[in-house]
PDB file of N, CA and C in Angstrom:
ATOM      1  N   UNK A   1       2.717 -11.489  -0.320  1.00  0.00           N
ATOM      2  CA  UNK A   1       2.679 -10.521   0.759  1.00  0.00           C
ATOM      3  C   UNK A   1       2.366  -9.135   0.178  1.00  0.00           C
ATOM      4  N   UNK A   2       1.673  -8.356   0.939  1.00  0.00           N
ATOM      5  CA  UNK A   2       1.320  -6.989   0.553  1.00  0.00           C
ATOM      6  C   UNK A   2       2.577  -6.118   0.567  1.00  0.00           C
ATOM      7  N   UNK A   3       2.685  -5.279  -0.441  1.00  0.00           N
ATOM      8  CA  UNK A   3       3.738  -4.267  -0.471  1.00  0.00           C
ATOM      9  C   UNK A   3       3.068  -2.903  -0.450  1.00  0.00           C
ATOM     10  N   UNK A   4       3.501  -2.072   0.475  1.00  0.00           N
ATOM     11  CA  UNK A   4       2.998  -0.704   0.567  1.00  0.00           C
ATOM     12  C   UNK A   4       4.128   0.229   0.143  1.00  0.00           C
ATOM     13  N   UNK A   5       3.917   0.902  -0.976  1.00  0.00           N
ATOM     14  CA  UNK A   5       4.868   1.907  -1.441  1.00  0.00           C
ATOM     15  C   UNK A   5       4.497   3.209  -0.754  1.00  0.00           C
ATOM     16  N   UNK A   6       5.467   3.785  -0.041  1.00  0.00           N
ATOM     17  CA  UNK A   6       5.123   4.913   0.816  1.00  0.00           C
ATOM     18  C   UNK A   6       6.289   5.871   1.009  1.00  0.00           C
ATOM     19  N   UNK A   7       6.001   6.920   1.770  1.00  0.00           N
ATOM     20  CA  UNK A   7       7.001   7.873   2.281  1.00  0.00           C
ATOM     21  C   UNK A   7       6.755   7.938   3.789  1.00  0.00           C
ATOM     22  N   UNK A   8       7.176   6.932   4.523  1.00  0.00           N
ATOM     23  CA  UNK A   8       6.782   6.818   5.929  1.00  0.00           C
ATOM     24  C   UNK A   8       7.218   7.967   6.829  1.00  0.00           C
ATOM     25  N   UNK A   9       8.235   8.701   6.447  1.00  0.00           N
ATOM     26  CA  UNK A   9       8.703   9.793   7.305  1.00  0.00           C
ATOM     27  C   UNK A   9       7.856  11.056   7.172  1.00  0.00           C
ATOM     28  N   UNK A  10       7.172  11.213   6.034  1.00  0.00           N
ATOM     29  CA  UNK A  10       6.490  12.489   5.792  1.00  0.00           C
ATOM     30  C   UNK A  10       5.026  12.368   5.383  1.00  0.00           C
ATOM     31  N   UNK A  11       4.518  11.167   5.243  1.00  0.00           N
ATOM     32  CA  UNK A  11       3.181  10.983   4.690  1.00  0.00           C
ATOM     33  C   UNK A  11       2.217  10.433   5.755  1.00  0.00           C
ATOM     34  N   UNK A  12       1.284  11.261   6.161  1.00  0.00           N
ATOM     35  CA  UNK A  12       0.291  10.858   7.167  1.00  0.00           C
ATOM     36  C   UNK A  12      -0.459   9.605   6.736  1.00  0.00           C
ATOM     37  N   UNK A  13      -0.929   9.576   5.484  1.00  0.00           N
ATOM     38  CA  UNK A  13      -1.711   8.433   5.014  1.00  0.00           C
ATOM     39  C   UNK A  13      -0.872   7.159   4.936  1.00  0.00           C
ATOM     40  N   UNK A  14       0.411   7.297   4.675  1.00  0.00           N
ATOM     41  CA  UNK A  14       1.301   6.136   4.663  1.00  0.00           C
ATOM     42  C   UNK A  14       1.434   5.545   6.068  1.00  0.00           C
ATOM     43  N   UNK A  15       1.601   6.415   7.029  1.00  0.00           N
ATOM     44  CA  UNK A  15       1.708   5.979   8.426  1.00  0.00           C
ATOM     45  C   UNK A  15       0.408   5.313   8.865  1.00  0.00           C
ATOM     46  N   UNK A  16      -0.720   5.903   8.519  1.00  0.00           N
ATOM     47  CA  UNK A  16      -2.015   5.339   8.893  1.00  0.00           C
ATOM     48  C   UNK A  16      -2.267   4.002   8.195  1.00  0.00           C
ATOM     49  N   UNK A  17      -1.803   3.858   6.962  1.00  0.00           N
ATOM     50  CA  UNK A  17      -1.943   2.586   6.253  1.00  0.00           C
ATOM     51  C   UNK A  17      -1.211   1.483   6.998  1.00  0.00           C
ATOM     52  N   UNK A  18       0.023   1.746   7.389  1.00  0.00           N
ATOM     53  CA  UNK A  18       0.804   0.749   8.119  1.00  0.00           C
ATOM     54  C   UNK A  18       0.137   0.399   9.449  1.00  0.00           C
ATOM     55  N   UNK A  19      -0.370   1.384  10.154  1.00  0.00           N
ATOM     56  CA  UNK A  19      -1.050   1.131  11.427  1.00  0.00           C
ATOM     57  C   UNK A  19      -2.308   0.286  11.222  1.00  0.00           C
ATOM     58  N   UNK A  20      -3.093   0.609  10.201  1.00  0.00           N
ATOM     59  CA  UNK A  20      -4.342  -0.108   9.935  1.00  0.00           C
ATOM     60  C   UNK A  20      -4.056  -1.559   9.555  1.00  0.00           C
ATOM     61  N   UNK A  21      -3.100  -1.763   8.657  1.00  0.00           N
ATOM     62  CA  UNK A  21      -2.760  -3.129   8.259  1.00  0.00           C
ATOM     63  C   UNK A  21      -2.281  -3.945   9.453  1.00  0.00           C
ATOM     64  N   UNK A  22      -1.447  -3.349  10.276  1.00  0.00           N
ATOM     65  CA  UNK A  22      -0.953  -4.030  11.471  1.00  0.00           C
ATOM     66  C   UNK A  22      -2.100  -4.352  12.428  1.00  0.00           C
ATOM     67  N   UNK A  23      -2.976  -3.396  12.660  1.00  0.00           N
ATOM     68  CA  UNK A  23      -4.102  -3.584  13.582  1.00  0.00           C
ATOM     69  C   UNK A  23      -5.060  -4.677  13.119  1.00  0.00           C
ATOM     70  N   UNK A  24      -5.112  -4.902  11.799  1.00  0.00           N
ATOM     71  CA  UNK A  24      -6.022  -5.910  11.259  1.00  0.00           C
ATOM     72  C   UNK A  24      -5.313  -7.217  10.912  1.00  0.00           C
ATOM     73  N   UNK A  25      -4.084  -7.362  11.357  1.00  0.00           N
ATOM     74  CA  UNK A  25      -3.368  -8.622  11.239  1.00  0.00           C
ATOM     75  C   UNK A  25      -2.799  -8.960   9.875  1.00  0.00           C
ATOM     76  N   UNK A  26      -2.609  -7.947   9.035  1.00  0.00           N
ATOM     77  CA  UNK A  26      -2.028  -8.193   7.716  1.00  0.00           C
ATOM     78  C   UNK A  26      -0.508  -8.137   7.786  1.00  0.00           C
ATOM     79  N   UNK A  27       0.143  -9.067   7.094  1.00  0.00           N
ATOM     80  CA  UNK A  27       1.586  -8.987   6.932  1.00  0.00           C
ATOM     81  C   UNK A  27       1.853  -8.137   5.701  1.00  0.00           C
ATOM     82  N   UNK A  28       2.820  -7.250   5.800  1.00  0.00           N
ATOM     83  CA  UNK A  28       3.134  -6.392   4.669  1.00  0.00           C
ATOM     84  C   UNK A  28       4.584  -5.959   4.735  1.00  0.00           C
ATOM     85  N   UNK A  29       5.057  -5.530   3.595  1.00  0.00           N
ATOM     86  CA  UNK A  29       6.406  -5.003   3.456  1.00  0.00           C
ATOM     87  C   UNK A  29       6.258  -3.557   3.005  1.00  0.00           C
ATOM     88  N   UNK A  30       6.892  -2.651   3.703  1.00  0.00           N
ATOM     89  CA  UNK A  30       6.798  -1.240   3.345  1.00  0.00           C
ATOM     90  C   UNK A  30       8.064  -0.827   2.589  1.00  0.00           C
ATOM     91  N   UNK A  31       7.872  -0.152   1.462  1.00  0.00           N
ATOM     92  CA  UNK A  31       8.991   0.305   0.648  1.00  0.00           C
ATOM     93  C   UNK A  31       8.930   1.827   0.587  1.00  0.00           C
ATOM     94  N   UNK A  32       9.978   2.455   1.047  1.00  0.00           N
ATOM     95  CA  UNK A  32      10.076   3.917   1.050  1.00  0.00           C
ATOM     96  C   UNK A  32      10.543   4.367  -0.337  1.00  0.00           C
ATOM     97  N   UNK A  33       9.646   4.983  -1.089  1.00  0.00           N
ATOM     98  CA  UNK A  33       9.988   5.395  -2.457  1.00  0.00           C
ATOM     99  C   UNK A  33      11.001   6.530  -2.492  1.00  0.00           C
ATOM    100  N   UNK A  34      11.220   7.215  -1.371  1.00  0.00           N
ATOM    101  CA  UNK A  34      12.241   8.262  -1.339  1.00  0.00           C
ATOM    102  C   UNK A  34      13.636   7.671  -1.181  1.00  0.00           C
ATOM    103  N   UNK A  35      13.710   6.426  -0.753  1.00  0.00           N
ATOM    104  CA  UNK A  35      14.997   5.760  -0.551  1.00  0.00           C
ATOM    105  C   UNK A  35      15.265   4.674  -1.589  1.00  0.00           C
ATOM    106  N   UNK A  36      14.278   4.354  -2.405  1.00  0.00           N
ATOM    107  CA  UNK A  36      14.401   3.271  -3.375  1.00  0.00           C
ATOM    108  C   UNK A  36      13.983   3.757  -4.768  1.00  0.00           C
ATOM    109  N   UNK A  37      14.934   4.179  -5.583  1.00  0.00           N
ATOM    110  CA  UNK A  37      14.603   4.721  -6.906  1.00  0.00           C
ATOM    111  C   UNK A  37      13.846   3.737  -7.796  1.00  0.00           C
ATOM    112  N   UNK A  38      14.149   2.450  -7.686  1.00  0.00           N
ATOM    113  CA  UNK A  38      13.443   1.453  -8.493  1.00  0.00           C
ATOM    114  C   UNK A  38      11.971   1.369  -8.090  1.00  0.00           C
ATOM    115  N   UNK A  39      11.698   1.476  -6.811  1.00  0.00           N
ATOM    116  CA  UNK A  39      10.316   1.452  -6.333  1.00  0.00           C
ATOM    117  C   UNK A  39       9.568   2.687  -6.815  1.00  0.00           C
ATOM    118  N   UNK A  40      10.214   3.831  -6.769  1.00  0.00           N
ATOM    119  CA  UNK A  40       9.599   5.058  -7.258  1.00  0.00           C
ATOM    120  C   UNK A  40       9.291   4.935  -8.745  1.00  0.00           C
ATOM    121  N   UNK A  41      10.231   4.413  -9.500  1.00  0.00           N
ATOM    122  CA  UNK A  41      10.014   4.220 -10.938  1.00  0.00           C
ATOM    123  C   UNK A  41       8.868   3.234 -11.187  1.00  0.00           C
ATOM    124  N   UNK A  42       8.784   2.181 -10.368  1.00  0.00           N
ATOM    125  CA  UNK A  42       7.710   1.193 -10.508  1.00  0.00           C
ATOM    126  C   UNK A  42       6.342   1.858 -10.362  1.00  0.00           C
ATOM    127  N   UNK A  43       6.140   2.634  -9.295  1.00  0.00           N
ATOM    128  CA  UNK A  43       4.811   3.219  -9.116  1.00  0.00           C
ATOM    129  C   UNK A  43       4.526   4.298 -10.157  1.00  0.00           C
ATOM    130  N   UNK A  44       5.553   5.039 -10.563  1.00  0.00           N
ATOM    131  CA  UNK A  44       5.352   6.038 -11.628  1.00  0.00           C
ATOM    132  C   UNK A  44       4.987   5.361 -12.940  1.00  0.00           C
ATOM    133  N   UNK A  45       5.612   4.221 -13.217  1.00  0.00           N
ATOM    134  CA  UNK A  45       5.334   3.503 -14.467  1.00  0.00           C
ATOM    135  C   UNK A  45       3.912   2.959 -14.504  1.00  0.00           C
ATOM    136  N   UNK A  46       3.286   2.847 -13.327  1.00  0.00           N
ATOM    137  CA  UNK A  46       1.907   2.381 -13.230  1.00  0.00           C
ATOM    138  C   UNK A  46       0.921   3.545 -13.233  1.00  0.00           C
ATOM    139  N   UNK A  47       1.462   4.773 -13.377  1.00  0.00           N
ATOM    140  CA  UNK A  47       0.615   5.953 -13.465  1.00  0.00           C
ATOM    141  C   UNK A  47       0.285   6.607 -12.139  1.00  0.00           C
ATOM    142  N   UNK A  48       0.913   6.164 -11.067  1.00  0.00           N
ATOM    143  CA  UNK A  48       0.639   6.744  -9.749  1.00  0.00           C
ATOM    144  C   UNK A  48       1.474   7.997  -9.523  1.00  0.00           C
ATOM    145  N   UNK A  49       0.847   8.967  -8.889  1.00  0.00           N
ATOM    146  CA  UNK A  49       1.554  10.203  -8.547  1.00  0.00           C
ATOM    147  C   UNK A  49       1.553  10.455  -7.048  1.00  0.00           C
ATOM    148  N   UNK A  50       0.874   9.588  -6.304  1.00  0.00           N
ATOM    149  CA  UNK A  50       0.785   9.748  -4.859  1.00  0.00           C
ATOM    150  C   UNK A  50       1.067   8.413  -4.170  1.00  0.00           C
ATOM    151  N   UNK A  51       1.324   8.500  -2.891  1.00  0.00           N
ATOM    152  CA  UNK A  51       1.465   7.320  -2.033  1.00  0.00           C
ATOM    153  C   UNK A  51       0.523   7.495  -0.854  1.00  0.00           C
ATOM    154  N   UNK A  52       0.141   6.438  -0.216  1.00  0.00           N
ATOM    155  CA  UNK A  52       0.593   5.066  -0.392  1.00  0.00           C
ATOM    156  C   UNK A  52      -0.084   4.376  -1.577  1.00  0.00           C
ATOM    157  N   UNK A  53       0.625   3.400  -2.118  1.00  0.00           N
ATOM    158  CA  UNK A  53       0.074   2.508  -3.126  1.00  0.00           C
ATOM    159  C   UNK A  53       0.219   1.099  -2.571  1.00  0.00           C
ATOM    160  N   UNK A  54      -0.848   0.335  -2.652  1.00  0.00           N
ATOM    161  CA  UNK A  54      -0.897  -0.980  -1.998  1.00  0.00           C
ATOM    162  C   UNK A  54      -0.983  -2.062  -3.070  1.00  0.00           C
ATOM    163  N   UNK A  55       0.045  -2.894  -3.117  1.00  0.00           N
ATOM    164  CA  UNK A  55       0.189  -3.910  -4.155  1.00  0.00           C
ATOM    165  C   UNK A  55       0.318  -5.305  -3.574  1.00  0.00           C
ATOM    166  N   UNK A  56      -0.033  -6.270  -4.411  1.00  0.00           N
ATOM    167  CA  UNK A  56       0.269  -7.674  -4.171  1.00  0.00           C
ATOM    168  C   UNK A  56       1.070  -8.112  -5.381  1.00  0.00           C
ATOM    169  N   UNK A  57       2.366  -8.285  -5.195  1.00  0.00           N
ATOM    170  CA  UNK A  57       3.243  -8.529  -6.332  1.00  0.00           C
ATOM    171  C   UNK A  57       3.247  -7.299  -7.221  1.00  0.00           C
ATOM    172  N   UNK A  58       2.920  -7.506  -8.492  1.00  0.00           N
ATOM    173  CA  UNK A  58       2.864  -6.379  -9.423  1.00  0.00           C
ATOM    174  C   UNK A  58       1.429  -5.962  -9.722  1.00  0.00           C
ATOM    175  N   UNK A  59       0.494  -6.443  -8.909  1.00  0.00           N
ATOM    176  CA  UNK A  59      -0.924  -6.146  -9.100  1.00  0.00           C
ATOM    177  C   UNK A  59      -1.403  -5.171  -8.037  1.00  0.00           C
ATOM    178  N   UNK A  60      -2.029  -4.085  -8.476  1.00  0.00           N
ATOM    179  CA  UNK A  60      -2.605  -3.132  -7.535  1.00  0.00           C
ATOM    180  C   UNK A  60      -3.684  -3.840  -6.733  1.00  0.00           C
ATOM    181  N   UNK A  61      -3.527  -3.880  -5.433  1.00  0.00           N
ATOM    182  CA  UNK A  61      -4.450  -4.598  -4.562  1.00  0.00           C
ATOM    183  C   UNK A  61      -5.629  -3.730  -4.156  1.00  0.00           C
ATOM    184  N   UNK A  62      -5.353  -2.466  -3.906  1.00  0.00           N
ATOM    185  CA  UNK A  62      -6.389  -1.544  -3.446  1.00  0.00           C
ATOM    186  C   UNK A  62      -6.294  -0.242  -4.232  1.00  0.00           C
ATOM    187  N   UNK A  63      -7.351   0.100  -4.916  1.00  0.00           N
ATOM    188  CA  UNK A  63      -7.423   1.372  -5.634  1.00  0.00           C
ATOM    189  C   UNK A  63      -7.685   2.480  -4.618  1.00  0.00           C
ATOM    190  N   UNK A  64      -6.920   3.560  -4.684  1.00  0.00           N
ATOM    191  CA  UNK A  64      -7.200   4.708  -3.830  1.00  0.00           C
ATOM    192  C   UNK A  64      -6.396   4.783  -2.551  1.00  0.00           C
ATOM    193  N   UNK A  65      -5.339   3.981  -2.430  1.00  0.00           N
ATOM    194  CA  UNK A  65      -4.463   4.072  -1.270  1.00  0.00           C
ATOM    195  C   UNK A  65      -5.180   3.842   0.053  1.00  0.00           C
ATOM    196  N   UNK A  66      -4.837   4.659   1.039  1.00  0.00           N
ATOM    197  CA  UNK A  66      -5.391   4.500   2.385  1.00  0.00           C
ATOM    198  C   UNK A  66      -6.912   4.615   2.377  1.00  0.00           C
ATOM    199  N   UNK A  67      -7.445   5.629   1.721  1.00  0.00           N
ATOM    200  CA  UNK A  67      -8.888   5.840   1.693  1.00  0.00           C
ATOM    201  C   UNK A  67      -9.603   4.657   1.050  1.00  0.00           C
ATOM    202  N   UNK A  68      -9.062   4.169  -0.054  1.00  0.00           N
ATOM    203  CA  UNK A  68      -9.650   3.014  -0.717  1.00  0.00           C
ATOM    204  C   UNK A  68      -9.606   1.773   0.151  1.00  0.00           C
ATOM    205  N   UNK A  69      -8.515   1.604   0.893  1.00  0.00           N
ATOM    206  CA  UNK A  69      -8.366   0.451   1.784  1.00  0.00           C
ATOM    207  C   UNK A  69      -9.406   0.496   2.901  1.00  0.00           C
ATOM    208  N   UNK A  70      -9.606   1.657   3.490  1.00  0.00           N
ATOM    209  CA  UNK A  70     -10.590   1.808   4.568  1.00  0.00           C
ATOM    210  C   UNK A  70     -11.989   1.529   4.038  1.00  0.00           C
ATOM    211  N   UNK A  71     -12.302   2.055   2.850  1.00  0.00           N
ATOM    212  CA  UNK A  71     -13.622   1.814   2.254  1.00  0.00           C
ATOM    213  C   UNK A  71     -13.830   0.340   1.948  1.00  0.00           C
ATOM    214  N   UNK A  72     -12.783  -0.330   1.473  1.00  0.00           N
ATOM    215  CA  UNK A  72     -12.872  -1.751   1.156  1.00  0.00           C
ATOM    216  C   UNK A  72     -13.112  -2.567   2.417  1.00  0.00           C
ATOM    217  N   UNK A  73     -12.367  -2.289   3.465  1.00  0.00           N
ATOM    218  CA  UNK A  73     -12.520  -2.986   4.734  1.00  0.00           C
ATOM    219  C   UNK A  73     -11.645  -4.221   4.847  1.00  0.00           C
ATOM    220  N   UNK A  74     -11.424  -4.631   6.076  1.00  0.00           N
ATOM    221  CA  UNK A  74     -10.518  -5.742   6.359  1.00  0.00           C
ATOM    222  C   UNK A  74     -11.021  -7.072   5.805  1.00  0.00           C
ATOM    223  N   UNK A  75     -12.318  -7.330   5.932  1.00  0.00           N
ATOM    224  CA  UNK A  75     -12.861  -8.602   5.462  1.00  0.00           C
ATOM    225  C   UNK A  75     -12.668  -8.759   3.956  1.00  0.00           C
ATOM    226  N   UNK A  76     -13.013  -7.732   3.213  1.00  0.00           N
ATOM    227  CA  UNK A  76     -12.877  -7.785   1.762  1.00  0.00           C
ATOM    228  C   UNK A  76     -11.410  -7.866   1.348  1.00  0.00           C
ATOM    229  N   UNK A  77     -10.543  -7.216   2.082  1.00  0.00           N
ATOM    230  CA  UNK A  77      -9.107  -7.284   1.775  1.00  0.00           C
ATOM    231  C   UNK A  77      -8.592  -8.697   2.020  1.00  0.00           C
ATOM    232  N   UNK A  78      -9.002  -9.317   3.117  1.00  0.00           N
ATOM    233  CA  UNK A  78      -8.635 -10.713   3.374  1.00  0.00           C
ATOM    234  C   UNK A  78      -9.129 -11.609   2.245  1.00  0.00           C
ATOM    235  N   UNK A  79     -10.322 -11.358   1.754  1.00  0.00           N
ATOM    236  CA  UNK A  79     -10.888 -12.165   0.662  1.00  0.00           C
ATOM    237  C   UNK A  79     -10.070 -11.990  -0.614  1.00  0.00           C
ATOM    238  N   UNK A  80      -9.658 -10.786  -0.910  1.00  0.00           N
ATOM    239  CA  UNK A  80      -8.820 -10.557  -2.104  1.00  0.00           C
ATOM    240  C   UNK A  80      -7.506 -11.309  -2.004  1.00  0.00           C
ATOM    241  N   UNK A  81      -6.948 -11.334  -0.815  1.00  0.00           N
ATOM    242  CA  UNK A  81      -5.663 -12.021  -0.625  1.00  0.00           C
ATOM    243  C   UNK A  81      -5.814 -13.532  -0.716  1.00  0.00           C
ATOM    244  N   UNK A  82      -6.976 -14.033  -0.392  1.00  0.00           N
ATOM    245  CA  UNK A  82      -7.219 -15.484  -0.418  1.00  0.00           C
ATOM    246  C   UNK A  82      -7.373 -16.020  -1.836  1.00  0.00           C
ATOM    247  N   UNK A  83      -7.644 -15.149  -2.796  1.00  0.00           N
ATOM    248  CA  UNK A  83      -7.851 -15.596  -4.182  1.00  0.00           C
ATOM    249  C   UNK A  83      -6.563 -15.966  -4.857  1.00  0.00           C
TER     250      UNK A  83
END
């Protein structure tokens, strides 16, 4: 399942990521890095300084957060998940 590391209360792109994934029928789990120190440490340890970050397990699924996801598109994202 997709994990979206985000700040849903304050991050426009995080909110838009969740809306886009939902609109395109993706199942995902959202983790608020402001409420989960381990999640924050995880994304920092991967070199990220911004959210949202979109992962499948411990593998970065989409480079570039929301913008990267939109550029990739729903079809290509479905294909990545099928592999």
